[in-house]
Amino acid sequence: MQHAVGPDADDADDTARALRVPVDASAVEVYASGGRDVLSTRWFPVAEELSVALHGSCAAGHVWAMGDGMAGTY
């Protein structure tokens, strides 16, 4: 990961302290180290089901199902 130059730049390393990855029907967002590094992209999957995998090691992992915030409006 590349870190932006800023007041904490001297403390930067390549270790993500926390990783948050919200995924829905048309977007994937990645927030590392409390939002210090961010990636966003649009996507339009064609599969009926989505699976997510974690490769590597971490102290803890949690998965939450995201609801359809637009349910009942279309």
C-alpha atoms as a PDB file:
ATOM      1  CA  MET A   1       0.000   0.000   0.000  1.00  0.00           C
ATOM      2  CA  GLN A   2       1.120   3.504  -0.697  1.00  0.00           C
ATOM      3  CA  HIS A   3       0.637   6.104   1.994  1.00  0.00           C
ATOM      4  CA  ALA A   4      -0.107   9.758   1.378  1.00  0.00           C
ATOM      5  CA  VAL A   5       2.362  12.333   2.560  1.00  0.00           C
ATOM      6  CA  GLY A   6       1.077  13.995   5.692  1.00  0.00           C
ATOM      7  CA  PRO A   7       1.755  14.652   9.354  1.00  0.00           C
ATOM      8  CA  ASP A   8       2.003  10.914  10.137  1.00  0.00           C
ATOM      9  CA  ALA A   9       4.135  10.019   7.100  1.00  0.00           C
ATOM     10  CA  ASP A  10       7.199   9.267   9.231  1.00  0.00           C
ATOM     11  CA  ASP A  11       5.223   6.619  11.129  1.00  0.00           C
ATOM     12  CA  ALA A  12       3.957   4.933   7.948  1.00  0.00           C
ATOM     13  CA  ASP A  13       4.683   1.302   7.177  1.00  0.00           C
ATOM     14  CA  ASP A  14       3.039  -1.288   4.947  1.00  0.00           C
ATOM     15  CA  THR A  15       1.088  -3.042   7.724  1.00  0.00           C
ATOM     16  CA  ALA A  16      -2.659  -2.516   7.698  1.00  0.00           C
ATOM     17  CA  ARG A  17      -3.706  -2.122  11.331  1.00  0.00           C
ATOM     18  CA  ALA A  18      -7.373  -2.640  10.514  1.00  0.00           C
ATOM     19  CA  LEU A  19      -9.161  -3.551   7.308  1.00  0.00           C
ATOM     20  CA  ARG A  20     -12.817  -2.784   6.554  1.00  0.00           C
ATOM     21  CA  VAL A  21     -14.321  -3.925   3.228  1.00  0.00           C
ATOM     22  CA  PRO A  22     -17.988  -3.036   2.587  1.00  0.00           C
ATOM     23  CA  VAL A  23     -19.349  -4.847  -0.482  1.00  0.00           C
ATOM     24  CA  ASP A  24     -22.807  -4.475  -1.994  1.00  0.00           C
ATOM     25  CA  ALA A  25     -24.490  -5.091  -5.348  1.00  0.00           C
ATOM     26  CA  SER A  26     -22.509  -2.430  -7.209  1.00  0.00           C
ATOM     27  CA  ALA A  27     -19.610  -1.192  -5.075  1.00  0.00           C
ATOM     28  CA  VAL A  28     -16.558  -2.413  -3.204  1.00  0.00           C
ATOM     29  CA  GLU A  29     -14.769  -0.120  -0.778  1.00  0.00           C
ATOM     30  CA  VAL A  30     -11.593  -0.923   1.131  1.00  0.00           C
ATOM     31  CA  TYR A  31     -10.536   1.072   4.185  1.00  0.00           C
ATOM     32  CA  ALA A  32      -7.185   0.191   5.742  1.00  0.00           C
ATOM     33  CA  SER A  33      -5.742   1.539   8.984  1.00  0.00           C
ATOM     34  CA  GLY A  34      -8.791   3.578   9.930  1.00  0.00           C
ATOM     35  CA  GLY A  35      -9.223   5.108   6.476  1.00  0.00           C
ATOM     36  CA  ARG A  36      -5.605   6.091   5.985  1.00  0.00           C
ATOM     37  CA  ASP A  37      -5.596   4.042   2.765  1.00  0.00           C
ATOM     38  CA  VAL A  38      -8.788   3.821   0.702  1.00  0.00           C
ATOM     39  CA  LEU A  39      -9.833   2.046  -2.499  1.00  0.00           C
ATOM     40  CA  SER A  40     -13.279   2.286  -4.088  1.00  0.00           C
ATOM     41  CA  THR A  41     -14.587   0.685  -7.251  1.00  0.00           C
ATOM     42  CA  ARG A  42     -17.897  -0.055  -8.939  1.00  0.00           C
ATOM     43  CA  TRP A  43     -18.722  -3.593  -9.982  1.00  0.00           C
ATOM     44  CA  PHE A  44     -21.714  -5.449 -11.316  1.00  0.00           C
ATOM     45  CA  PRO A  45     -21.468  -9.162 -10.446  1.00  0.00           C
ATOM     46  CA  VAL A  46     -23.563 -11.660 -12.371  1.00  0.00           C
ATOM     47  CA  ALA A  47     -23.521 -14.492  -9.810  1.00  0.00           C
ATOM     48  CA  GLU A  48     -26.543 -15.096  -7.582  1.00  0.00           C
ATOM     49  CA  GLU A  49     -24.327 -15.445  -4.513  1.00  0.00           C
ATOM     50  CA  LEU A  50     -21.182 -13.674  -3.348  1.00  0.00           C
ATOM     51  CA  SER A  51     -18.412 -15.303  -1.375  1.00  0.00           C
ATOM     52  CA  VAL A  52     -15.611 -13.478   0.371  1.00  0.00           C
ATOM     53  CA  ALA A  53     -12.298 -15.034   1.405  1.00  0.00           C
ATOM     54  CA  LEU A  54      -9.524 -13.815   3.670  1.00  0.00           C
ATOM     55  CA  HIS A  55      -6.024 -14.919   2.725  1.00  0.00           C
ATOM     56  CA  GLY A  56      -3.253 -14.280   5.199  1.00  0.00           C
ATOM     57  CA  SER A  57      -3.370 -13.899   8.936  1.00  0.00           C
ATOM     58  CA  CYS A  58      -5.137 -11.574  11.326  1.00  0.00           C
ATOM     59  CA  ALA A  59      -5.963 -11.340  14.999  1.00  0.00           C
ATOM     60  CA  ALA A  60      -9.739 -11.396  14.412  1.00  0.00           C
ATOM     61  CA  GLY A  61     -12.248 -11.263  11.583  1.00  0.00           C
ATOM     62  CA  HIS A  62     -15.947 -10.403  11.486  1.00  0.00           C
ATOM     63  CA  VAL A  63     -18.511 -10.578   8.696  1.00  0.00           C
ATOM     64  CA  TRP A  64     -21.857  -8.779   8.665  1.00  0.00           C
ATOM     65  CA  ALA A  65     -24.578  -9.162   6.049  1.00  0.00           C
ATOM     66  CA  MET A  66     -25.525  -5.867   4.441  1.00  0.00           C
ATOM     67  CA  GLY A  67     -29.215  -5.272   3.950  1.00  0.00           C
ATOM     68  CA  ASP A  68     -30.833  -3.773   0.886  1.00  0.00           C
ATOM     69  CA  GLY A  69     -31.185  -0.101   1.780  1.00  0.00           C
ATOM     70  CA  MET A  70     -33.386   0.437  -1.270  1.00  0.00           C
ATOM     71  CA  ALA A  71     -35.778  -2.462  -0.526  1.00  0.00           C
ATOM     72  CA  GLY A  72     -39.350  -1.516  -1.208  1.00  0.00           C
ATOM     73  CA  THR A  73     -38.460   1.475  -3.359  1.00  0.00           C
ATOM     74  CA  TYR A  74     -38.261  -0.304  -6.703  1.00  0.00           C
END
